[in-house]
């Protein structure tokens, strides 16, 4: 049984940092696509960042470029999201997603077969 478990969320002030972790179990996701999405109250779940391929290529949504960084540790089967210079607009539940059979960029929610339960990130002004 595949499981993705997020951790690292919390309450921070504007300008501070957080690092989210997503630990996968049940199978290996070494080169498959993994991503972070987020959902703010009353809004659709949106793509934040993804990492894929043997070279760990990455891509970000425009609003987080230069502030967020996605990375993976294949030995730990874990993906991270380092979030710096946080803003109140970053407040949301952050979800980890994965598809071991996708080896290219995708920001389509439907392309990800596995999802975590989410972790709350709240940024106060």
C-alpha atoms as a PDB file:
ATOM      1  CA  UNK A   1       0.000   0.000   0.000  1.00  0.00           C
ATOM      2  CA  UNK A   2       1.454   3.321  -1.084  1.00  0.00           C
ATOM      3  CA  UNK A   3       1.407   6.141   1.439  1.00  0.00           C
ATOM      4  CA  UNK A   4       2.594   9.742   1.299  1.00  0.00           C
ATOM      5  CA  UNK A   5       2.925  11.472   4.642  1.00  0.00           C
ATOM      6  CA  UNK A   6       3.573  15.217   4.818  1.00  0.00           C
ATOM      7  CA  UNK A   7       5.068  17.047   7.768  1.00  0.00           C
ATOM      8  CA  UNK A   8       6.613  20.403   8.585  1.00  0.00           C
ATOM      9  CA  UNK A   9       3.653  22.731   8.338  1.00  0.00           C
ATOM     10  CA  UNK A  10       2.893  25.343  10.958  1.00  0.00           C
ATOM     11  CA  UNK A  11       2.244  28.976  11.809  1.00  0.00           C
ATOM     12  CA  UNK A  12       4.913  31.514  10.871  1.00  0.00           C
ATOM     13  CA  UNK A  13       5.168  35.248  10.340  1.00  0.00           C
ATOM     14  CA  UNK A  14       5.658  37.022   7.027  1.00  0.00           C
ATOM     15  CA  UNK A  15       9.218  36.630   5.784  1.00  0.00           C
ATOM     16  CA  UNK A  16       9.968  33.475   7.723  1.00  0.00           C
ATOM     17  CA  UNK A  17      10.735  30.014   6.354  1.00  0.00           C
ATOM     18  CA  UNK A  18       9.392  26.471   6.591  1.00  0.00           C
ATOM     19  CA  UNK A  19      10.495  23.168   5.136  1.00  0.00           C
ATOM     20  CA  UNK A  20       7.868  20.621   4.260  1.00  0.00           C
ATOM     21  CA  UNK A  21       8.693  16.931   3.954  1.00  0.00           C
ATOM     22  CA  UNK A  22       6.817  14.152   2.209  1.00  0.00           C
ATOM     23  CA  UNK A  23       7.864  10.615   3.045  1.00  0.00           C
ATOM     24  CA  UNK A  24       6.734   7.905   0.651  1.00  0.00           C
ATOM     25  CA  UNK A  25       6.308   4.273   1.539  1.00  0.00           C
ATOM     26  CA  UNK A  26       5.050   1.214  -0.245  1.00  0.00           C
ATOM     27  CA  UNK A  27       7.117   1.735  -3.381  1.00  0.00           C
ATOM     28  CA  UNK A  28      10.069   3.710  -4.715  1.00  0.00           C
ATOM     29  CA  UNK A  29       9.551   6.999  -6.526  1.00  0.00           C
ATOM     30  CA  UNK A  30      13.198   7.644  -7.456  1.00  0.00           C
ATOM     31  CA  UNK A  31      12.712   9.191 -10.925  1.00  0.00           C
ATOM     32  CA  UNK A  32       8.978   9.483 -11.075  1.00  0.00           C
ATOM     33  CA  UNK A  33       7.245  12.810 -10.845  1.00  0.00           C
ATOM     34  CA  UNK A  34       6.560  14.197  -7.411  1.00  0.00           C
ATOM     35  CA  UNK A  35       4.909  17.514  -6.717  1.00  0.00           C
ATOM     36  CA  UNK A  36       3.481  19.891  -4.197  1.00  0.00           C
ATOM     37  CA  UNK A  37       0.043  21.422  -4.556  1.00  0.00           C
ATOM     38  CA  UNK A  38      -1.777  23.764  -2.209  1.00  0.00           C
ATOM     39  CA  UNK A  39      -5.362  24.683  -1.478  1.00  0.00           C
ATOM     40  CA  UNK A  40      -6.441  27.860   0.247  1.00  0.00           C
ATOM     41  CA  UNK A  41      -9.928  28.188   1.788  1.00  0.00           C
ATOM     42  CA  UNK A  42     -12.543  28.661  -0.905  1.00  0.00           C
ATOM     43  CA  UNK A  43     -10.083  28.112  -3.734  1.00  0.00           C
ATOM     44  CA  UNK A  44      -9.169  25.301  -6.088  1.00  0.00           C
ATOM     45  CA  UNK A  45      -6.148  23.137  -5.395  1.00  0.00           C
ATOM     46  CA  UNK A  46      -3.258  24.637  -7.326  1.00  0.00           C
ATOM     47  CA  UNK A  47       0.134  23.426  -8.499  1.00  0.00           C
ATOM     48  CA  UNK A  48       3.161  24.739  -6.613  1.00  0.00           C
ATOM     49  CA  UNK A  49       6.237  22.784  -7.735  1.00  0.00           C
ATOM     50  CA  UNK A  50       7.308  19.487  -9.239  1.00  0.00           C
ATOM     51  CA  UNK A  51      10.446  17.397  -9.572  1.00  0.00           C
ATOM     52  CA  UNK A  52      10.976  14.573 -12.056  1.00  0.00           C
ATOM     53  CA  UNK A  53      13.475  12.445 -13.939  1.00  0.00           C
ATOM     54  CA  UNK A  54      16.919  11.053 -13.214  1.00  0.00           C
ATOM     55  CA  UNK A  55      18.368  14.580 -13.201  1.00  0.00           C
ATOM     56  CA  UNK A  56      15.722  15.872 -10.781  1.00  0.00           C
ATOM     57  CA  UNK A  57      14.431  18.559 -13.078  1.00  0.00           C
ATOM     58  CA  UNK A  58      12.190  21.091 -11.368  1.00  0.00           C
ATOM     59  CA  UNK A  59       9.525  23.632 -12.213  1.00  0.00           C
ATOM     60  CA  UNK A  60       7.543  26.123 -10.159  1.00  0.00           C
ATOM     61  CA  UNK A  61       4.433  28.179 -10.406  1.00  0.00           C
ATOM     62  CA  UNK A  62       5.273  31.838 -11.007  1.00  0.00           C
ATOM     63  CA  UNK A  63       4.151  33.071  -7.591  1.00  0.00           C
ATOM     64  CA  UNK A  64       6.767  30.999  -5.733  1.00  0.00           C
ATOM     65  CA  UNK A  65       9.738  31.235  -8.101  1.00  0.00           C
ATOM     66  CA  UNK A  66      12.834  32.421  -6.297  1.00  0.00           C
ATOM     67  CA  UNK A  67      11.293  31.719  -2.878  1.00  0.00           C
ATOM     68  CA  UNK A  68      10.469  27.992  -2.877  1.00  0.00           C
ATOM     69  CA  UNK A  69      12.733  25.076  -3.707  1.00  0.00           C
ATOM     70  CA  UNK A  70      11.714  21.456  -4.287  1.00  0.00           C
ATOM     71  CA  UNK A  71      14.210  18.634  -3.812  1.00  0.00           C
ATOM     72  CA  UNK A  72      14.264  14.897  -3.232  1.00  0.00           C
ATOM     73  CA  UNK A  73      16.334  12.382  -1.317  1.00  0.00           C
ATOM     74  CA  UNK A  74      15.966   9.068  -3.120  1.00  0.00           C
ATOM     75  CA  UNK A  75      17.696   7.159  -0.335  1.00  0.00           C
ATOM     76  CA  UNK A  76      14.930   8.280   2.008  1.00  0.00           C
ATOM     77  CA  UNK A  77      12.171   8.189  -0.633  1.00  0.00           C
ATOM     78  CA  UNK A  78      11.329  11.710   0.484  1.00  0.00           C
ATOM     79  CA  UNK A  79      10.598  14.980  -1.281  1.00  0.00           C
ATOM     80  CA  UNK A  80      11.005  18.389   0.323  1.00  0.00           C
ATOM     81  CA  UNK A  81       9.670  21.876  -0.207  1.00  0.00           C
ATOM     82  CA  UNK A  82      11.829  24.629   1.224  1.00  0.00           C
ATOM     83  CA  UNK A  83       9.731  27.763   1.533  1.00  0.00           C
ATOM     84  CA  UNK A  84      11.472  31.082   2.164  1.00  0.00           C
ATOM     85  CA  UNK A  85      10.195  34.661   2.378  1.00  0.00           C
ATOM     86  CA  UNK A  86       6.713  33.397   3.139  1.00  0.00           C
ATOM     87  CA  UNK A  87       3.749  35.682   2.522  1.00  0.00           C
ATOM     88  CA  UNK A  88       0.160  35.600   3.827  1.00  0.00           C
ATOM     89  CA  UNK A  89      -0.937  34.543   0.307  1.00  0.00           C
ATOM     90  CA  UNK A  90       1.033  31.314   0.821  1.00  0.00           C
ATOM     91  CA  UNK A  91      -1.419  30.271   3.539  1.00  0.00           C
ATOM     92  CA  UNK A  92      -2.983  26.968   2.493  1.00  0.00           C
ATOM     93  CA  UNK A  93      -3.059  23.246   3.048  1.00  0.00           C
ATOM     94  CA  UNK A  94      -0.072  21.807   1.184  1.00  0.00           C
ATOM     95  CA  UNK A  95      -0.368  18.402  -0.435  1.00  0.00           C
ATOM     96  CA  UNK A  96       2.309  16.067  -1.702  1.00  0.00           C
ATOM     97  CA  UNK A  97       1.549  14.101  -4.869  1.00  0.00           C
ATOM     98  CA  UNK A  98       3.397  11.433  -6.807  1.00  0.00           C
ATOM     99  CA  UNK A  99       3.263   9.221  -9.855  1.00  0.00           C
ATOM    100  CA  UNK A 100       6.091   6.695 -10.267  1.00  0.00           C
ATOM    101  CA  UNK A 101       5.123   6.099 -13.899  1.00  0.00           C
ATOM    102  CA  UNK A 102       5.432   9.720 -15.031  1.00  0.00           C
ATOM    103  CA  UNK A 103       8.906  10.966 -15.954  1.00  0.00           C
ATOM    104  CA  UNK A 104       8.122  14.408 -17.261  1.00  0.00           C
ATOM    105  CA  UNK A 105       6.788  17.736 -16.074  1.00  0.00           C
ATOM    106  CA  UNK A 106       3.095  17.926 -15.331  1.00  0.00           C
ATOM    107  CA  UNK A 107       1.064  20.353 -13.250  1.00  0.00           C
ATOM    108  CA  UNK A 108      -2.166  18.458 -13.866  1.00  0.00           C
ATOM    109  CA  UNK A 109      -3.706  17.119 -10.666  1.00  0.00           C
ATOM    110  CA  UNK A 110      -5.139  14.168 -12.592  1.00  0.00           C
ATOM    111  CA  UNK A 111      -1.649  12.990 -13.558  1.00  0.00           C
ATOM    112  CA  UNK A 112      -0.724  12.206  -9.962  1.00  0.00           C
ATOM    113  CA  UNK A 113      -1.894   8.836  -8.704  1.00  0.00           C
ATOM    114  CA  UNK A 114      -0.946   9.200  -5.059  1.00  0.00           C
ATOM    115  CA  UNK A 115      -1.666  12.003  -2.589  1.00  0.00           C
ATOM    116  CA  UNK A 116      -0.816  12.795   0.989  1.00  0.00           C
ATOM    117  CA  UNK A 117      -3.277  13.971   3.617  1.00  0.00           C
ATOM    118  CA  UNK A 118      -2.015  17.559   3.601  1.00  0.00           C
ATOM    119  CA  UNK A 119      -0.250  19.822   6.058  1.00  0.00           C
ATOM    120  CA  UNK A 120      -1.431  23.297   7.059  1.00  0.00           C
ATOM    121  CA  UNK A 121       0.793  26.304   6.454  1.00  0.00           C
ATOM    122  CA  UNK A 122      -0.368  29.593   7.933  1.00  0.00           C
ATOM    123  CA  UNK A 123       1.528  32.841   7.388  1.00  0.00           C
ATOM    124  CA  UNK A 124       0.506  35.752   9.578  1.00  0.00           C
ATOM    125  CA  UNK A 125       0.989  39.384   8.531  1.00  0.00           C
END
